[in-house]
Amino acid sequence: MATYLKNIRIINGKNDSVIENGHVVIKGEYIDKVSRNPIKFQEGKVINCTGKTLLPGLIDTHVHLSGDASPSVLDKFKDTD
């Protein structure tokens, strides 16, 4: 099933250009079409994204792979060993 996002601000991350009120078709897990103009669409869900921003490819890479997750984080600093 495809999804059509209309009236969405699009930041592609490759340059400083921003598409205001852009239009995007998503098929499965992939972006199929991006346009500054409305896209002829009759095959799935339509979402009006006025006031929303799309930044494809943004990945949250902030992660803590180590550390103490106990209720009292200060306990590890009290150990005298």
N, C-alpha and C. Protein backbone atom coordinates (compact mmCIF):
# COMPACT_ATOMS: atom_id res chain seq x y z
N MET A 1 0.84 -1.18 0.00
CA MET A 1 0.00 0.00 0.00
C MET A 1 0.88 1.25 0.00
N ALA A 2 0.46 2.25 -0.70
CA ALA A 2 1.22 3.50 -0.80
C ALA A 2 0.59 4.56 0.10
N THR A 3 1.41 5.54 0.47
CA THR A 3 0.97 6.67 1.27
C THR A 3 1.40 7.96 0.58
N TYR A 4 0.50 8.91 0.54
CA TYR A 4 0.76 10.20 -0.09
C TYR A 4 0.78 11.26 1.01
N LEU A 5 1.94 11.92 1.17
CA LEU A 5 2.06 13.02 2.12
C LEU A 5 1.96 14.31 1.32
N LYS A 6 0.96 15.13 1.63
CA LYS A 6 0.80 16.37 0.90
C LYS A 6 1.02 17.56 1.83
N ASN A 7 1.45 18.67 1.24
CA ASN A 7 1.68 19.91 1.97
C ASN A 7 2.71 19.76 3.09
N ILE A 8 3.82 19.11 2.80
CA ILE A 8 4.84 18.86 3.80
C ILE A 8 6.13 19.61 3.45
N ARG A 9 6.79 20.16 4.46
CA ARG A 9 8.09 20.80 4.26
C ARG A 9 9.12 19.69 4.14
N ILE A 10 9.97 19.75 3.10
CA ILE A 10 10.95 18.69 2.84
C ILE A 10 12.35 19.28 2.89
N ILE A 11 13.19 18.70 3.74
CA ILE A 11 14.60 19.07 3.81
C ILE A 11 15.38 17.84 3.38
N ASN A 12 16.14 17.95 2.28
CA ASN A 12 16.80 16.74 1.78
C ASN A 12 18.16 16.50 2.42
N GLY A 13 18.74 17.50 3.09
CA GLY A 13 20.00 17.29 3.79
C GLY A 13 21.23 17.33 2.90
N LYS A 14 21.06 17.39 1.60
CA LYS A 14 22.20 17.43 0.68
C LYS A 14 22.65 18.85 0.39
N ASN A 15 21.74 19.81 0.56
CA ASN A 15 22.07 21.22 0.35
C ASN A 15 21.14 22.05 1.22
N ASP A 16 21.16 23.35 1.03
CA ASP A 16 20.36 24.24 1.87
C ASP A 16 18.93 24.44 1.39
N SER A 17 18.56 23.81 0.29
CA SER A 17 17.22 24.03 -0.25
C SER A 17 16.16 23.32 0.60
N VAL A 18 15.02 23.98 0.68
CA VAL A 18 13.87 23.44 1.42
C VAL A 18 12.67 23.54 0.49
N ILE A 19 11.90 22.47 0.41
CA ILE A 19 10.67 22.49 -0.38
C ILE A 19 9.52 22.74 0.60
N GLU A 20 8.88 23.87 0.45
CA GLU A 20 7.70 24.18 1.27
C GLU A 20 6.47 23.61 0.56
N ASN A 21 5.55 23.06 1.30
CA ASN A 21 4.32 22.48 0.74
C ASN A 21 4.61 21.47 -0.35
N GLY A 22 5.56 20.59 -0.09
CA GLY A 22 5.92 19.55 -1.04
C GLY A 22 4.97 18.37 -0.98
N HIS A 23 5.21 17.41 -1.87
CA HIS A 23 4.35 16.24 -1.99
C HIS A 23 5.24 15.01 -2.14
N VAL A 24 4.90 13.94 -1.40
CA VAL A 24 5.74 12.74 -1.35
C VAL A 24 4.86 11.50 -1.44
N VAL A 25 5.29 10.53 -2.24
CA VAL A 25 4.62 9.23 -2.27
C VAL A 25 5.58 8.20 -1.69
N ILE A 26 5.10 7.44 -0.72
CA ILE A 26 5.88 6.39 -0.08
C ILE A 26 5.25 5.06 -0.45
N LYS A 27 6.07 4.15 -0.97
CA LYS A 27 5.60 2.80 -1.30
C LYS A 27 6.39 1.82 -0.45
N GLY A 28 5.70 1.10 0.39
CA GLY A 28 6.38 0.18 1.31
C GLY A 28 7.25 0.96 2.27
N GLU A 29 8.54 0.68 2.27
CA GLU A 29 9.48 1.36 3.17
C GLU A 29 10.29 2.43 2.45
N TYR A 30 9.96 2.73 1.20
CA TYR A 30 10.79 3.62 0.40
C TYR A 30 10.02 4.82 -0.12
N ILE A 31 10.72 5.95 -0.23
CA ILE A 31 10.16 7.13 -0.87
C ILE A 31 10.20 6.89 -2.37
N ASP A 32 9.04 6.96 -3.00
CA ASP A 32 8.93 6.69 -4.44
C ASP A 32 9.00 7.96 -5.28
N LYS A 33 8.33 9.03 -4.82
CA LYS A 33 8.30 10.28 -5.58
C LYS A 33 8.34 11.46 -4.62
N VAL A 34 9.01 12.52 -5.06
CA VAL A 34 9.03 13.80 -4.35
C VAL A 34 8.78 14.89 -5.37
N SER A 35 7.88 15.82 -5.03
CA SER A 35 7.55 16.87 -5.98
C SER A 35 7.20 18.17 -5.26
N ARG A 36 7.46 19.28 -5.96
CA ARG A 36 7.01 20.58 -5.47
C ARG A 36 5.52 20.79 -5.79
N ASN A 37 5.01 20.01 -6.72
CA ASN A 37 3.63 20.13 -7.18
C ASN A 37 2.82 18.91 -6.77
N PRO A 38 1.51 19.05 -6.65
CA PRO A 38 0.67 17.89 -6.32
C PRO A 38 0.93 16.72 -7.27
N ILE A 39 0.84 15.52 -6.74
CA ILE A 39 1.08 14.30 -7.50
C ILE A 39 -0.26 13.60 -7.72
N LYS A 40 -0.48 13.11 -8.93
CA LYS A 40 -1.69 12.34 -9.21
C LYS A 40 -1.60 11.04 -8.43
N PHE A 41 -2.53 10.83 -7.51
CA PHE A 41 -2.44 9.69 -6.59
C PHE A 41 -3.83 9.13 -6.33
N GLN A 42 -4.00 7.82 -6.52
CA GLN A 42 -5.30 7.19 -6.29
C GLN A 42 -5.17 5.80 -5.69
N GLU A 43 -4.02 5.49 -5.05
CA GLU A 43 -3.81 4.09 -4.69
C GLU A 43 -3.61 3.80 -3.20
N GLY A 44 -3.90 4.72 -2.31
CA GLY A 44 -3.68 4.43 -0.89
C GLY A 44 -4.11 5.56 0.01
N LYS A 45 -3.40 5.67 1.12
CA LYS A 45 -3.72 6.63 2.16
C LYS A 45 -3.14 8.01 1.83
N VAL A 46 -3.93 9.06 2.08
CA VAL A 46 -3.50 10.44 1.88
C VAL A 46 -3.44 11.12 3.24
N ILE A 47 -2.31 11.75 3.54
CA ILE A 47 -2.14 12.45 4.82
C ILE A 47 -1.79 13.90 4.54
N ASN A 48 -2.58 14.81 5.09
CA ASN A 48 -2.29 16.24 4.97
C ASN A 48 -1.28 16.57 6.07
N CYS A 49 -0.09 16.98 5.68
CA CYS A 49 1.01 17.22 6.62
C CYS A 49 1.30 18.70 6.83
N THR A 50 0.31 19.55 6.68
CA THR A 50 0.51 20.98 6.88
C THR A 50 1.14 21.22 8.25
N GLY A 51 2.24 21.98 8.26
CA GLY A 51 2.93 22.28 9.51
C GLY A 51 3.95 21.24 9.93
N LYS A 52 4.11 20.18 9.16
CA LYS A 52 5.05 19.10 9.48
C LYS A 52 6.27 19.18 8.57
N THR A 53 7.39 18.56 9.01
CA THR A 53 8.63 18.56 8.24
C THR A 53 9.12 17.14 8.04
N LEU A 54 9.59 16.85 6.83
CA LEU A 54 10.16 15.55 6.50
C LEU A 54 11.66 15.72 6.26
N LEU A 55 12.45 14.93 6.96
CA LEU A 55 13.90 14.95 6.79
C LEU A 55 14.34 13.51 6.56
N PRO A 56 14.25 13.03 5.30
CA PRO A 56 14.57 11.64 5.01
C PRO A 56 16.01 11.29 5.37
N GLY A 57 16.20 10.12 5.92
CA GLY A 57 17.53 9.63 6.22
C GLY A 57 18.06 10.05 7.57
N LEU A 58 17.32 10.85 8.34
CA LEU A 58 17.78 11.24 9.66
C LEU A 58 17.74 10.04 10.59
N ILE A 59 18.88 9.75 11.20
CA ILE A 59 18.98 8.60 12.10
C ILE A 59 19.45 9.09 13.46
N ASP A 60 18.78 8.67 14.50
CA ASP A 60 19.20 9.01 15.85
C ASP A 60 20.36 8.10 16.24
N THR A 61 21.57 8.65 16.28
CA THR A 61 22.74 7.83 16.60
C THR A 61 23.21 8.05 18.04
N HIS A 62 22.40 8.73 18.84
CA HIS A 62 22.76 8.94 20.24
C HIS A 62 22.40 7.69 21.03
N VAL A 63 23.41 7.02 21.55
CA VAL A 63 23.17 5.79 22.30
C VAL A 63 24.23 5.65 23.38
N HIS A 64 23.85 5.06 24.49
CA HIS A 64 24.78 4.76 25.57
C HIS A 64 24.97 3.25 25.60
N LEU A 65 26.13 2.78 25.16
CA LEU A 65 26.39 1.35 25.10
C LEU A 65 26.93 0.82 26.42
N SER A 66 27.30 1.70 27.30
CA SER A 66 27.75 1.28 28.63
C SER A 66 27.24 2.28 29.64
N GLY A 67 27.35 1.93 30.88
CA GLY A 67 26.89 2.82 31.93
C GLY A 67 26.00 2.08 32.90
N ASP A 68 25.71 2.75 33.95
CA ASP A 68 24.91 2.17 35.02
C ASP A 68 23.47 2.65 34.88
N ALA A 69 22.55 1.73 34.78
CA ALA A 69 21.15 2.10 34.65
C ALA A 69 20.38 1.86 35.94
N SER A 70 21.12 1.74 37.05
CA SER A 70 20.46 1.51 38.34
C SER A 70 19.73 2.78 38.77
N PRO A 71 18.81 2.64 39.74
CA PRO A 71 18.05 3.80 40.20
C PRO A 71 18.95 4.93 40.73
N SER A 72 20.09 4.57 41.33
CA SER A 72 20.98 5.60 41.85
C SER A 72 22.28 5.57 41.06
N VAL A 73 22.42 6.45 40.12
CA VAL A 73 23.61 6.52 39.28
C VAL A 73 24.84 6.87 40.11
N LEU A 74 24.67 7.58 41.20
CA LEU A 74 25.81 8.00 42.03
C LEU A 74 26.45 6.84 42.79
N ASP A 75 25.76 5.70 42.91
CA ASP A 75 26.32 4.55 43.64
C ASP A 75 27.65 4.09 43.07
N LYS A 76 27.85 4.17 41.77
CA LYS A 76 29.12 3.72 41.18
C LYS A 76 30.28 4.61 41.60
N PHE A 77 30.02 5.83 42.00
CA PHE A 77 31.08 6.73 42.44
C PHE A 77 31.41 6.55 43.93
N LYS A 78 30.57 5.84 44.67
CA LYS A 78 30.80 5.61 46.10
C LYS A 78 31.64 4.37 46.36
N ASP A 79 31.83 3.53 45.34
CA ASP A 79 32.62 2.30 45.49
C ASP A 79 34.08 2.68 45.72
N THR A 80 34.69 2.17 46.78
CA THR A 80 36.05 2.55 47.13
C THR A 80 37.12 1.60 46.59
N ASP A 81 36.72 0.53 45.91
CA ASP A 81 37.69 -0.44 45.40
C ASP A 81 38.61 0.16 44.38
